[in-house]
Amino acid sequence: MADLELTLSMLSPHDRVMPLFTGEVKPEGITLRCIDSANVDLFYDVLKFDRYDVSEMSVSSFLAARAKGWGYVALPVFQHRAFHYTKVLVRVASGIRKPEDLKGKRVGSADYQQTAALWTRGILQHEFGVKPQDMVWYQERAERFSHGGASGFKPPAGVRFHYATTDFGTMFLRGELDAAITYQTGAKIDRPKIDLSRDRRFRPLFRDPVKEAVRFYKKHQIVPVHHLTVVRESIVKEHPWVATSLMDAFERAKKLAMERLYADPPTLMLFGGHWLDQQKAVFGDDPYRYGLKANAKEIDLAQTYSAEQGLTPRKQPWEELFAEEVLVAEEK
């Protein structure tokens, strides 16, 4: 029987998926045509045009789109995890010294619907008592060309929300913005802006982001999930085995990456082995675990935040979100 041919697009192929791109790992019964989408807005293309068969996808945008009946289901293969809330940038003159000082302040996010913003708002609310309604929000991406623009986003009721008319760098320098959840100078899909990393008028909200991330993890045993993997729903309905074949291939590719990393840390990291040992002491051998049961707390909390923030009307049952054969395999 001939292989099923599928396209796989990744935002930027990393070490855990590179064996799929090189052909070193092949999913059973599937030939993948792998596409590096680092220079385009992958999420916009898939959300609006259903462009690829298998794709990396924003967790927040997936939940929002799936709630509207979007024709993709998820695999619990998380391509990106991060404590992004620890990277909030603040303008020193705004008087923000701690998270609670964000109340009443003007806060920017590249895309209100994006997962970095979802987790940051949720953690600010539940860890520090700062609700989304306590701040004034600015979105840097244009109304139509954004994750929300591709999936029918409407600003949640009770939130003071504006589309920015210029880039966040300019707004910061003019004193029109007090903080930014996302401030990326090299992002291909965002407005160009100056690098403020050496400008003493601006600083991170958390002086020690690693210390704060470790505190959060030790308290909740959660590493926030930002990107997952989606598959065209029509494909898994016609070929249900595709879901578990892909899951197995992603697991094997990750295993290779982990073996190589631990055996031979990158030479450009002078203390790479030491840093890896420190990471393992806190997060264990595999901070990028895949699967539903292994990520039940992360998935549930992302859904909770999404519903609380008015991005989705409810927490959908997993049967409505994930490929059926993945659920069956986990039951086994």
C-alpha atoms as a PDB file:
ATOM      1  CA  MET A   1       0.000   0.000   0.000  1.00  0.00           C
ATOM      2  CA  ALA A   2       1.366   3.411  -0.977  1.00  0.00           C
ATOM      3  CA  ASP A   3       2.184   5.939   1.711  1.00  0.00           C
ATOM      4  CA  LEU A   4      -0.204   8.754   2.477  1.00  0.00           C
ATOM      5  CA  GLU A   5       1.475  12.016   1.449  1.00  0.00           C
ATOM      6  CA  LEU A   6       1.051  14.913   3.894  1.00  0.00           C
ATOM      7  CA  THR A   7       2.496  18.384   4.268  1.00  0.00           C
ATOM      8  CA  LEU A   8       4.053  19.325   7.616  1.00  0.00           C
ATOM      9  CA  SER A   9       4.828  22.969   8.329  1.00  0.00           C
ATOM     10  CA  MET A  10       6.760  24.255  11.314  1.00  0.00           C
ATOM     11  CA  LEU A  11       7.271  27.829  12.448  1.00  0.00           C
ATOM     12  CA  SER A  12      10.985  27.166  12.732  1.00  0.00           C
ATOM     13  CA  PRO A  13      12.261  23.575  12.661  1.00  0.00           C
ATOM     14  CA  HIS A  14      13.985  22.890  15.981  1.00  0.00           C
ATOM     15  CA  ASP A  15      16.092  20.041  17.257  1.00  0.00           C
ATOM     16  CA  ARG A  16      13.090  17.935  18.344  1.00  0.00           C
ATOM     17  CA  VAL A  17      11.562  17.848  14.840  1.00  0.00           C
ATOM     18  CA  MET A  18      14.672  18.075  12.681  1.00  0.00           C
ATOM     19  CA  PRO A  19      14.891  14.257  12.290  1.00  0.00           C
ATOM     20  CA  LEU A  20      11.501  14.429  10.550  1.00  0.00           C
ATOM     21  CA  PHE A  21      12.796  17.122   8.195  1.00  0.00           C
ATOM     22  CA  THR A  22      15.975  15.209   7.365  1.00  0.00           C
ATOM     23  CA  GLY A  23      14.132  11.923   6.903  1.00  0.00           C
ATOM     24  CA  GLU A  24      16.029  10.240   9.722  1.00  0.00           C
ATOM     25  CA  VAL A  25      12.644   9.557  11.341  1.00  0.00           C
ATOM     26  CA  LYS A  26       9.645   8.640   9.198  1.00  0.00           C
ATOM     27  CA  PRO A  27       6.072   8.127  10.427  1.00  0.00           C
ATOM     28  CA  GLU A  28       4.738   4.697   9.517  1.00  0.00           C
ATOM     29  CA  GLY A  29       2.582   4.772   6.373  1.00  0.00           C
ATOM     30  CA  ILE A  30       3.196   8.495   5.782  1.00  0.00           C
ATOM     31  CA  THR A  31       5.517  10.453   3.521  1.00  0.00           C
ATOM     32  CA  LEU A  32       5.952  13.975   4.870  1.00  0.00           C
ATOM     33  CA  ARG A  33       6.704  17.022   2.747  1.00  0.00           C
ATOM     34  CA  CYS A  34       8.263  19.243   5.396  1.00  0.00           C
ATOM     35  CA  ILE A  35       8.096  23.029   5.086  1.00  0.00           C
ATOM     36  CA  ASP A  36      10.067  25.607   7.075  1.00  0.00           C
ATOM     37  CA  SER A  37       7.678  28.531   7.626  1.00  0.00           C
ATOM     38  CA  ALA A  38      10.024  30.740   9.628  1.00  0.00           C
ATOM     39  CA  ASN A  39       9.647  33.655   7.211  1.00  0.00           C
ATOM     40  CA  VAL A  40       5.851  33.734   6.966  1.00  0.00           C
ATOM     41  CA  ASP A  41       2.983  34.027   9.431  1.00  0.00           C
ATOM     42  CA  LEU A  42       2.287  30.307   9.624  1.00  0.00           C
ATOM     43  CA  PHE A  43      -0.557  30.564  12.113  1.00  0.00           C
ATOM     44  CA  TYR A  44      -2.382  33.175  10.045  1.00  0.00           C
ATOM     45  CA  ASP A  45      -2.028  31.060   6.890  1.00  0.00           C
ATOM     46  CA  VAL A  46      -3.351  27.899   8.523  1.00  0.00           C
ATOM     47  CA  LEU A  47      -6.131  29.606  10.483  1.00  0.00           C
ATOM     48  CA  LYS A  48      -7.420  31.523   7.461  1.00  0.00           C
ATOM     49  CA  PHE A  49      -6.555  29.304   4.510  1.00  0.00           C
ATOM     50  CA  ASP A  50      -6.254  25.771   5.987  1.00  0.00           C
ATOM     51  CA  ARG A  51      -2.972  25.695   4.145  1.00  0.00           C
ATOM     52  CA  TYR A  52      -1.194  22.568   5.452  1.00  0.00           C
ATOM     53  CA  ASP A  53      -2.172  19.043   6.486  1.00  0.00           C
ATOM     54  CA  VAL A  54      -0.135  19.039   9.698  1.00  0.00           C
ATOM     55  CA  SER A  55       1.101  22.206  11.347  1.00  0.00           C
ATOM     56  CA  GLU A  56       2.467  23.844  14.437  1.00  0.00           C
ATOM     57  CA  MET A  57      -0.225  26.086  15.955  1.00  0.00           C
ATOM     58  CA  SER A  58      -0.792  28.575  18.769  1.00  0.00           C
ATOM     59  CA  VAL A  59      -2.611  26.886  21.671  1.00  0.00           C
ATOM     60  CA  SER A  60      -4.772  29.945  22.327  1.00  0.00           C
ATOM     61  CA  SER A  61      -5.700  30.449  18.682  1.00  0.00           C
ATOM     62  CA  PHE A  62      -6.462  26.750  18.276  1.00  0.00           C
ATOM     63  CA  LEU A  63      -8.879  26.824  21.219  1.00  0.00           C
ATOM     64  CA  ALA A  64     -10.580  29.953  19.867  1.00  0.00           C
ATOM     65  CA  ALA A  65     -10.835  28.641  16.316  1.00  0.00           C
ATOM     66  CA  ARG A  66     -11.916  25.139  17.319  1.00  0.00           C
ATOM     67  CA  ALA A  67     -14.721  26.631  19.409  1.00  0.00           C
ATOM     68  CA  LYS A  68     -16.037  28.060  16.118  1.00  0.00           C
ATOM     69  CA  GLY A  69     -15.836  24.690  14.357  1.00  0.00           C
ATOM     70  CA  TRP A  70     -12.419  25.027  12.698  1.00  0.00           C
ATOM     71  CA  GLY A  71     -11.572  21.922  10.676  1.00  0.00           C
ATOM     72  CA  TYR A  72      -8.403  20.873  12.492  1.00  0.00           C
ATOM     73  CA  VAL A  73      -7.918  18.682  15.563  1.00  0.00           C
ATOM     74  CA  ALA A  74      -4.936  18.634  17.854  1.00  0.00           C
ATOM     75  CA  LEU A  75      -2.160  16.252  18.771  1.00  0.00           C
ATOM     76  CA  PRO A  76      -0.688  16.714  22.283  1.00  0.00           C
ATOM     77  CA  VAL A  77       2.734  17.367  20.766  1.00  0.00           C
ATOM     78  CA  PHE A  78       3.785  20.728  22.153  1.00  0.00           C
ATOM     79  CA  GLN A  79       6.276  22.458  19.889  1.00  0.00           C
ATOM     80  CA  HIS A  80       6.915  25.415  22.185  1.00  0.00           C
ATOM     81  CA  ARG A  81       6.766  25.847  25.951  1.00  0.00           C
ATOM     82  CA  ALA A  82       7.892  28.910  27.871  1.00  0.00           C
ATOM     83  CA  PHE A  83       7.459  31.059  30.955  1.00  0.00           C
ATOM     84  CA  HIS A  84       6.767  34.012  28.702  1.00  0.00           C
ATOM     85  CA  TYR A  85       5.180  36.109  31.437  1.00  0.00           C
ATOM     86  CA  THR A  86       8.640  36.541  32.971  1.00  0.00           C
ATOM     87  CA  LYS A  87       9.718  38.517  29.876  1.00  0.00           C
ATOM     88  CA  VAL A  88       7.344  41.482  30.263  1.00  0.00           C
ATOM     89  CA  LEU A  89       9.173  44.729  29.436  1.00  0.00           C
ATOM     90  CA  VAL A  90       8.303  47.906  31.368  1.00  0.00           C
ATOM     91  CA  ARG A  91       9.052  51.607  31.016  1.00  0.00           C
ATOM     92  CA  VAL A  92      10.862  52.674  34.189  1.00  0.00           C
ATOM     93  CA  ALA A  93       9.206  56.108  34.273  1.00  0.00           C
ATOM     94  CA  SER A  94       5.791  54.433  34.444  1.00  0.00           C
ATOM     95  CA  GLY A  95       6.473  53.495  38.063  1.00  0.00           C
ATOM     96  CA  ILE A  96       6.011  49.766  37.537  1.00  0.00           C
ATOM     97  CA  ARG A  97       8.191  47.921  40.045  1.00  0.00           C
ATOM     98  CA  LYS A  98       6.176  44.756  40.609  1.00  0.00           C
ATOM     99  CA  PRO A  99       3.308  42.956  38.819  1.00  0.00           C
ATOM    100  CA  GLU A 100       0.652  44.625  40.982  1.00  0.00           C
ATOM    101  CA  ASP A 101       1.786  48.001  39.625  1.00  0.00           C
ATOM    102  CA  LEU A 102       0.385  47.086  36.200  1.00  0.00           C
ATOM    103  CA  LYS A 103      -3.092  48.059  37.369  1.00  0.00           C
ATOM    104  CA  GLY A 104      -4.280  51.071  35.403  1.00  0.00           C
ATOM    105  CA  LYS A 105      -1.317  50.876  33.029  1.00  0.00           C
ATOM    106  CA  ARG A 106      -1.175  50.702  29.209  1.00  0.00           C
ATOM    107  CA  VAL A 107       0.032  47.269  28.164  1.00  0.00           C
ATOM    108  CA  GLY A 108       0.924  46.056  24.686  1.00  0.00           C
ATOM    109  CA  SER A 109       0.755  42.625  23.080  1.00  0.00           C
ATOM    110  CA  ALA A 110       1.596  41.742  19.494  1.00  0.00           C
ATOM    111  CA  ASP A 111      -1.712  39.869  19.299  1.00  0.00           C
ATOM    112  CA  TYR A 112      -4.285  39.872  22.103  1.00  0.00           C
ATOM    113  CA  GLN A 113      -5.311  36.319  21.246  1.00  0.00           C
ATOM    114  CA  GLN A 114      -1.787  34.877  21.143  1.00  0.00           C
ATOM    115  CA  THR A 115      -0.796  32.272  23.713  1.00  0.00           C
ATOM    116  CA  ALA A 116       1.945  34.368  25.332  1.00  0.00           C
ATOM    117  CA  ALA A 117      -0.697  36.957  26.173  1.00  0.00           C
ATOM    118  CA  LEU A 118      -3.196  34.308  27.318  1.00  0.00           C
ATOM    119  CA  TRP A 119      -0.763  32.809  29.846  1.00  0.00           C
ATOM    120  CA  THR A 120       0.563  36.189  30.983  1.00  0.00           C
ATOM    121  CA  ARG A 121      -2.909  37.561  31.680  1.00  0.00           C
ATOM    122  CA  GLY A 122      -3.939  34.368  33.467  1.00  0.00           C
ATOM    123  CA  ILE A 123      -0.830  34.258  35.651  1.00  0.00           C
ATOM    124  CA  LEU A 124      -1.032  37.978  36.444  1.00  0.00           C
ATOM    125  CA  GLN A 125      -4.618  37.466  37.590  1.00  0.00           C
ATOM    126  CA  HIS A 126      -4.198  34.291  39.615  1.00  0.00           C
ATOM    127  CA  GLU A 127      -0.695  34.835  41.005  1.00  0.00           C
ATOM    128  CA  PHE A 128      -0.672  38.609  41.511  1.00  0.00           C
ATOM    129  CA  GLY A 129      -4.323  39.738  41.557  1.00  0.00           C
ATOM    130  CA  VAL A 130      -4.113  41.821  38.356  1.00  0.00           C
ATOM    131  CA  LYS A 131      -7.075  41.157  36.073  1.00  0.00           C
ATOM    132  CA  PRO A 132      -7.169  41.897  32.308  1.00  0.00           C
ATOM    133  CA  GLN A 133      -9.828  44.526  33.011  1.00  0.00           C
ATOM    134  CA  ASP A 134      -7.362  46.340  35.295  1.00  0.00           C
ATOM    135  CA  MET A 135      -5.180  47.343  32.327  1.00  0.00           C
ATOM    136  CA  VAL A 136      -5.569  49.181  29.027  1.00  0.00           C
ATOM    137  CA  TRP A 137      -4.600  46.934  26.098  1.00  0.00           C
ATOM    138  CA  TYR A 138      -2.923  47.738  22.784  1.00  0.00           C
ATOM    139  CA  GLN A 139      -2.489  45.217  19.984  1.00  0.00           C
ATOM    140  CA  GLU A 140       0.413  45.868  17.620  1.00  0.00           C
ATOM    141  CA  ARG A 141      -0.753  43.705  14.718  1.00  0.00           C
ATOM    142  CA  ALA A 142      -3.409  45.080  12.405  1.00  0.00           C
ATOM    143  CA  GLU A 143      -7.020  44.074  12.963  1.00  0.00           C
ATOM    144  CA  ARG A 144      -7.254  41.871   9.859  1.00  0.00           C
ATOM    145  CA  PHE A 145      -3.687  40.589   9.640  1.00  0.00           C
ATOM    146  CA  SER A 146      -3.419  38.814  12.969  1.00  0.00           C
ATOM    147  CA  HIS A 147      -4.315  35.499  14.572  1.00  0.00           C
ATOM    148  CA  GLY A 148      -7.563  37.053  15.701  1.00  0.00           C
ATOM    149  CA  GLY A 149      -8.216  38.539  12.285  1.00  0.00           C
ATOM    150  CA  ALA A 150      -7.932  35.070  10.758  1.00  0.00           C
ATOM    151  CA  SER A 151     -10.209  33.410  13.319  1.00  0.00           C
ATOM    152  CA  GLY A 152     -12.911  35.999  14.006  1.00  0.00           C
ATOM    153  CA  PHE A 153     -11.589  37.589  17.218  1.00  0.00           C
ATOM    154  CA  LYS A 154     -13.713  40.196  18.976  1.00  0.00           C
ATOM    155  CA  PRO A 155     -12.343  42.117  21.990  1.00  0.00           C
ATOM    156  CA  PRO A 156     -13.816  40.565  25.173  1.00  0.00           C
ATOM    157  CA  ALA A 157     -16.513  42.501  26.992  1.00  0.00           C
ATOM    158  CA  GLY A 158     -15.220  44.758  29.740  1.00  0.00           C
ATOM    159  CA  VAL A 159     -11.668  44.955  28.371  1.00  0.00           C
ATOM    160  CA  ARG A 160     -10.292  48.343  27.321  1.00  0.00           C
ATOM    161  CA  PHE A 161      -8.786  47.392  23.983  1.00  0.00           C
ATOM    162  CA  HIS A 162      -7.175  49.381  21.150  1.00  0.00           C
ATOM    163  CA  TYR A 163      -5.323  48.612  17.931  1.00  0.00           C
ATOM    164  CA  ALA A 164      -1.984  50.406  17.952  1.00  0.00           C
ATOM    165  CA  THR A 165      -1.397  52.880  15.131  1.00  0.00           C
ATOM    166  CA  THR A 166       2.386  52.563  15.280  1.00  0.00           C
ATOM    167  CA  ASP A 167       5.014  50.153  16.627  1.00  0.00           C
ATOM    168  CA  PHE A 168       5.524  49.555  20.344  1.00  0.00           C
ATOM    169  CA  GLY A 169       9.058  50.984  20.280  1.00  0.00           C
ATOM    170  CA  THR A 170       7.747  54.345  19.138  1.00  0.00           C
ATOM    171  CA  MET A 171       4.931  54.188  21.691  1.00  0.00           C
ATOM    172  CA  PHE A 172       7.385  53.398  24.489  1.00  0.00           C
ATOM    173  CA  LEU A 173       9.669  56.303  23.558  1.00  0.00           C
ATOM    174  CA  ARG A 174       6.724  58.708  23.349  1.00  0.00           C
ATOM    175  CA  GLY A 175       5.491  57.603  26.776  1.00  0.00           C
ATOM    176  CA  GLU A 176       2.313  56.148  25.259  1.00  0.00           C
ATOM    177  CA  LEU A 177       2.939  52.594  26.495  1.00  0.00           C
ATOM    178  CA  ASP A 178       3.890  51.437  30.005  1.00  0.00           C
ATOM    179  CA  ALA A 179       4.580  47.733  29.451  1.00  0.00           C
ATOM    180  CA  ALA A 180       4.672  45.116  26.715  1.00  0.00           C
ATOM    181  CA  ILE A 181       4.005  41.400  27.019  1.00  0.00           C
ATOM    182  CA  THR A 182       5.750  40.839  23.713  1.00  0.00           C
ATOM    183  CA  TYR A 183       8.530  43.033  22.395  1.00  0.00           C
ATOM    184  CA  GLN A 184      10.271  41.295  19.503  1.00  0.00           C
ATOM    185  CA  THR A 185      12.625  43.261  17.296  1.00  0.00           C
ATOM    186  CA  GLY A 186      13.293  40.543  14.721  1.00  0.00           C
ATOM    187  CA  ALA A 187       9.833  39.067  14.212  1.00  0.00           C
ATOM    188  CA  LYS A 188       8.981  38.885  10.511  1.00  0.00           C
ATOM    189  CA  ILE A 189       5.266  39.526  10.950  1.00  0.00           C
ATOM    190  CA  ASP A 190       5.373  42.410  13.437  1.00  0.00           C
ATOM    191  CA  ARG A 191       6.140  46.076  12.897  1.00  0.00           C
ATOM    192  CA  PRO A 192       9.887  46.860  12.886  1.00  0.00           C
ATOM    193  CA  LYS A 193      11.045  48.497  16.114  1.00  0.00           C
ATOM    194  CA  ILE A 194      14.252  49.478  17.824  1.00  0.00           C
ATOM    195  CA  ASP A 195      16.138  47.281  20.278  1.00  0.00           C
ATOM    196  CA  LEU A 196      15.557  48.606  23.805  1.00  0.00           C
ATOM    197  CA  SER A 197      17.517  45.897  25.617  1.00  0.00           C
ATOM    198  CA  ARG A 198      20.387  48.300  26.453  1.00  0.00           C
ATOM    199  CA  ASP A 199      18.225  51.353  27.077  1.00  0.00           C
ATOM    200  CA  ARG A 200      18.118  51.953  30.837  1.00  0.00           C
ATOM    201  CA  ARG A 201      14.745  53.633  30.524  1.00  0.00           C
ATOM    202  CA  PHE A 202      13.297  50.157  30.108  1.00  0.00           C
ATOM    203  CA  ARG A 203      13.752  46.953  32.083  1.00  0.00           C
ATOM    204  CA  PRO A 204      12.216  43.499  32.597  1.00  0.00           C
ATOM    205  CA  LEU A 205       9.317  43.337  35.050  1.00  0.00           C
ATOM    206  CA  PHE A 206      11.033  40.399  36.745  1.00  0.00           C
ATOM    207  CA  ARG A 207      14.672  41.120  37.591  1.00  0.00           C
ATOM    208  CA  ASP A 208      15.462  37.386  37.648  1.00  0.00           C
ATOM    209  CA  PRO A 209      13.190  35.637  35.110  1.00  0.00           C
ATOM    210  CA  VAL A 210      14.680  32.197  35.773  1.00  0.00           C
ATOM    211  CA  LYS A 211      14.099  32.486  39.527  1.00  0.00           C
ATOM    212  CA  GLU A 212      10.470  33.492  38.937  1.00  0.00           C
ATOM    213  CA  ALA A 213       9.910  30.668  36.436  1.00  0.00           C
ATOM    214  CA  VAL A 214      11.324  28.108  38.850  1.00  0.00           C
ATOM    215  CA  ARG A 215       9.104  29.501  41.634  1.00  0.00           C
ATOM    216  CA  PHE A 216       6.018  29.117  39.453  1.00  0.00           C
ATOM    217  CA  TYR A 217       6.985  25.608  38.385  1.00  0.00           C
ATOM    218  CA  LYS A 218       7.683  24.399  41.907  1.00  0.00           C
ATOM    219  CA  LYS A 219       4.315  25.754  43.021  1.00  0.00           C
ATOM    220  CA  HIS A 220       2.216  24.373  40.143  1.00  0.00           C
ATOM    221  CA  GLN A 221       4.344  21.708  38.394  1.00  0.00           C
ATOM    222  CA  ILE A 222       3.429  23.373  35.085  1.00  0.00           C
ATOM    223  CA  VAL A 223       5.541  24.519  32.142  1.00  0.00           C
ATOM    224  CA  PRO A 224       3.119  26.660  30.071  1.00  0.00           C
ATOM    225  CA  VAL A 225       2.338  25.165  26.655  1.00  0.00           C
ATOM    226  CA  HIS A 226       2.356  27.716  23.834  1.00  0.00           C
ATOM    227  CA  HIS A 227       2.302  25.791  20.554  1.00  0.00           C
ATOM    228  CA  LEU A 228       0.794  22.398  19.808  1.00  0.00           C
ATOM    229  CA  THR A 229       0.371  20.373  16.607  1.00  0.00           C
ATOM    230  CA  VAL A 230      -2.789  20.286  14.508  1.00  0.00           C
ATOM    231  CA  VAL A 231      -3.963  17.872  11.803  1.00  0.00           C
ATOM    232  CA  ARG A 232      -6.624  18.410   9.201  1.00  0.00           C
ATOM    233  CA  GLU A 233      -9.762  16.810  10.680  1.00  0.00           C
ATOM    234  CA  SER A 234     -10.891  15.274   7.380  1.00  0.00           C
ATOM    235  CA  ILE A 235      -7.621  13.316   7.204  1.00  0.00           C
ATOM    236  CA  VAL A 236      -7.942  11.675  10.616  1.00  0.00           C
ATOM    237  CA  LYS A 237     -11.575  10.901   9.964  1.00  0.00           C
ATOM    238  CA  GLU A 238     -10.678   9.039   6.770  1.00  0.00           C
ATOM    239  CA  HIS A 239      -7.397   7.633   8.119  1.00  0.00           C
ATOM    240  CA  PRO A 240      -7.679   7.472  11.958  1.00  0.00           C
ATOM    241  CA  TRP A 241      -4.283   5.750  12.306  1.00  0.00           C
ATOM    242  CA  VAL A 242      -2.536   8.907  11.071  1.00  0.00           C
ATOM    243  CA  ALA A 243      -2.803  10.513  14.522  1.00  0.00           C
ATOM    244  CA  THR A 244      -0.925   7.778  16.376  1.00  0.00           C
ATOM    245  CA  SER A 245       1.578   7.330  13.563  1.00  0.00           C
ATOM    246  CA  LEU A 246       2.470  11.021  13.798  1.00  0.00           C
ATOM    247  CA  MET A 247       2.568  10.903  17.612  1.00  0.00           C
ATOM    248  CA  ASP A 248       5.028   8.015  17.472  1.00  0.00           C
ATOM    249  CA  ALA A 249       7.217   9.808  14.911  1.00  0.00           C
ATOM    250  CA  PHE A 250       7.338  13.021  16.963  1.00  0.00           C
ATOM    251  CA  GLU A 251       8.290  10.999  20.055  1.00  0.00           C
ATOM    252  CA  ARG A 252      11.099   9.194  18.233  1.00  0.00           C
ATOM    253  CA  ALA A 253      12.442  12.442  16.784  1.00  0.00           C
ATOM    254  CA  LYS A 254      12.455  14.062  20.224  1.00  0.00           C
ATOM    255  CA  LYS A 255      14.209  11.060  21.743  1.00  0.00           C
ATOM    256  CA  LEU A 256      17.029  11.412  19.228  1.00  0.00           C
ATOM    257  CA  ALA A 257      17.366  15.134  19.981  1.00  0.00           C
ATOM    258  CA  MET A 258      17.507  14.512  23.725  1.00  0.00           C
ATOM    259  CA  GLU A 259      20.098  11.747  23.412  1.00  0.00           C
ATOM    260  CA  ARG A 260      22.318  14.018  21.317  1.00  0.00           C
ATOM    261  CA  LEU A 261      21.917  17.018  23.596  1.00  0.00           C
ATOM    262  CA  TYR A 262      22.776  15.166  26.792  1.00  0.00           C
ATOM    263  CA  ALA A 263      25.626  13.238  25.193  1.00  0.00           C
ATOM    264  CA  ASP A 264      27.194  16.283  23.537  1.00  0.00           C
ATOM    265  CA  PRO A 265      25.958  19.752  24.645  1.00  0.00           C
ATOM    266  CA  PRO A 266      26.579  22.570  22.124  1.00  0.00           C
ATOM    267  CA  THR A 267      30.228  23.616  22.202  1.00  0.00           C
ATOM    268  CA  LEU A 268      29.340  27.323  22.054  1.00  0.00           C
ATOM    269  CA  MET A 269      27.756  26.984  25.515  1.00  0.00           C
ATOM    270  CA  LEU A 270      30.829  26.968  27.764  1.00  0.00           C
ATOM    271  CA  PHE A 271      28.845  25.745  30.755  1.00  0.00           C
ATOM    272  CA  GLY A 272      26.267  23.799  28.740  1.00  0.00           C
ATOM    273  CA  GLY A 273      26.608  20.579  30.709  1.00  0.00           C
ATOM    274  CA  HIS A 274      26.321  22.427  34.023  1.00  0.00           C
ATOM    275  CA  TRP A 275      23.227  24.333  32.872  1.00  0.00           C
ATOM    276  CA  LEU A 276      21.631  21.111  31.660  1.00  0.00           C
ATOM    277  CA  ASP A 277      22.224  19.524  35.057  1.00  0.00           C
ATOM    278  CA  GLN A 278      20.586  22.531  36.730  1.00  0.00           C
ATOM    279  CA  GLN A 279      17.582  22.273  34.389  1.00  0.00           C
ATOM    280  CA  LYS A 280      17.225  18.532  34.997  1.00  0.00           C
ATOM    281  CA  ALA A 281      17.323  19.065  38.757  1.00  0.00           C
ATOM    282  CA  VAL A 282      14.192  21.256  38.507  1.00  0.00           C
ATOM    283  CA  PHE A 283      12.276  20.055  35.448  1.00  0.00           C
ATOM    284  CA  GLY A 284      13.479  16.468  35.072  1.00  0.00           C
ATOM    285  CA  ASP A 285      14.978  14.810  32.024  1.00  0.00           C
ATOM    286  CA  ASP A 286      12.187  15.831  29.627  1.00  0.00           C
ATOM    287  CA  PRO A 287      10.602  19.283  30.024  1.00  0.00           C
ATOM    288  CA  TYR A 288       8.950  18.767  26.606  1.00  0.00           C
ATOM    289  CA  ARG A 289       6.834  15.750  27.457  1.00  0.00           C
ATOM    290  CA  TYR A 290       4.103  14.885  24.957  1.00  0.00           C
ATOM    291  CA  GLY A 291       0.712  13.268  25.557  1.00  0.00           C
ATOM    292  CA  LEU A 292      -2.601  14.134  27.188  1.00  0.00           C
ATOM    293  CA  LYS A 293      -2.169  12.682  30.665  1.00  0.00           C
ATOM    294  CA  ALA A 294       1.348  14.090  30.937  1.00  0.00           C
ATOM    295  CA  ASN A 295       0.040  17.571  30.112  1.00  0.00           C
ATOM    296  CA  ALA A 296      -3.417  17.432  31.669  1.00  0.00           C
ATOM    297  CA  LYS A 297      -2.746  20.330  34.063  1.00  0.00           C
ATOM    298  CA  GLU A 298      -1.285  22.547  31.341  1.00  0.00           C
ATOM    299  CA  ILE A 299      -4.150  21.870  28.915  1.00  0.00           C
ATOM    300  CA  ASP A 300      -6.816  22.414  31.563  1.00  0.00           C
ATOM    301  CA  LEU A 301      -5.265  25.670  32.772  1.00  0.00           C
ATOM    302  CA  ALA A 302      -4.916  27.043  29.234  1.00  0.00           C
ATOM    303  CA  GLN A 303      -8.609  26.232  28.668  1.00  0.00           C
ATOM    304  CA  THR A 304      -9.534  27.836  31.982  1.00  0.00           C
ATOM    305  CA  TYR A 305      -7.699  31.043  31.128  1.00  0.00           C
ATOM    306  CA  SER A 306      -9.221  31.120  27.634  1.00  0.00           C
ATOM    307  CA  ALA A 307     -12.770  30.854  28.982  1.00  0.00           C
ATOM    308  CA  GLU A 308     -12.138  33.315  31.831  1.00  0.00           C
ATOM    309  CA  GLN A 309     -10.733  35.882  29.416  1.00  0.00           C
ATOM    310  CA  GLY A 310     -13.661  35.625  26.996  1.00  0.00           C
ATOM    311  CA  LEU A 311     -11.666  34.102  24.135  1.00  0.00           C
ATOM    312  CA  THR A 312     -13.753  30.920  24.177  1.00  0.00           C
ATOM    313  CA  PRO A 313     -17.323  30.477  25.449  1.00  0.00           C
ATOM    314  CA  ARG A 314     -16.504  27.341  27.484  1.00  0.00           C
ATOM    315  CA  LYS A 315     -13.930  24.652  28.181  1.00  0.00           C
ATOM    316  CA  GLN A 316     -14.506  22.133  25.414  1.00  0.00           C
ATOM    317  CA  PRO A 317     -14.295  18.410  26.215  1.00  0.00           C
ATOM    318  CA  TRP A 318     -11.087  16.855  24.978  1.00  0.00           C
ATOM    319  CA  GLU A 319     -13.118  14.702  22.587  1.00  0.00           C
ATOM    320  CA  GLU A 320     -13.890  17.901  20.676  1.00  0.00           C
ATOM    321  CA  LEU A 321     -10.279  19.056  20.596  1.00  0.00           C
ATOM    322  CA  PHE A 322      -7.975  16.071  20.095  1.00  0.00           C
ATOM    323  CA  ALA A 323      -7.807  13.316  17.505  1.00  0.00           C
ATOM    324  CA  GLU A 324      -9.901  10.343  18.626  1.00  0.00           C
ATOM    325  CA  GLU A 325      -7.164   7.742  18.250  1.00  0.00           C
ATOM    326  CA  VAL A 326      -4.920   9.743  20.585  1.00  0.00           C
ATOM    327  CA  LEU A 327      -7.617   9.546  23.248  1.00  0.00           C
ATOM    328  CA  VAL A 328      -8.020   5.793  22.622  1.00  0.00           C
ATOM    329  CA  ALA A 329      -4.263   5.214  22.800  1.00  0.00           C
ATOM    330  CA  GLU A 330      -4.051   7.025  26.144  1.00  0.00           C
ATOM    331  CA  GLU A 331      -6.879   4.898  27.529  1.00  0.00           C
ATOM    332  CA  LYS A 332      -4.891   1.787  26.663  1.00  0.00           C
END
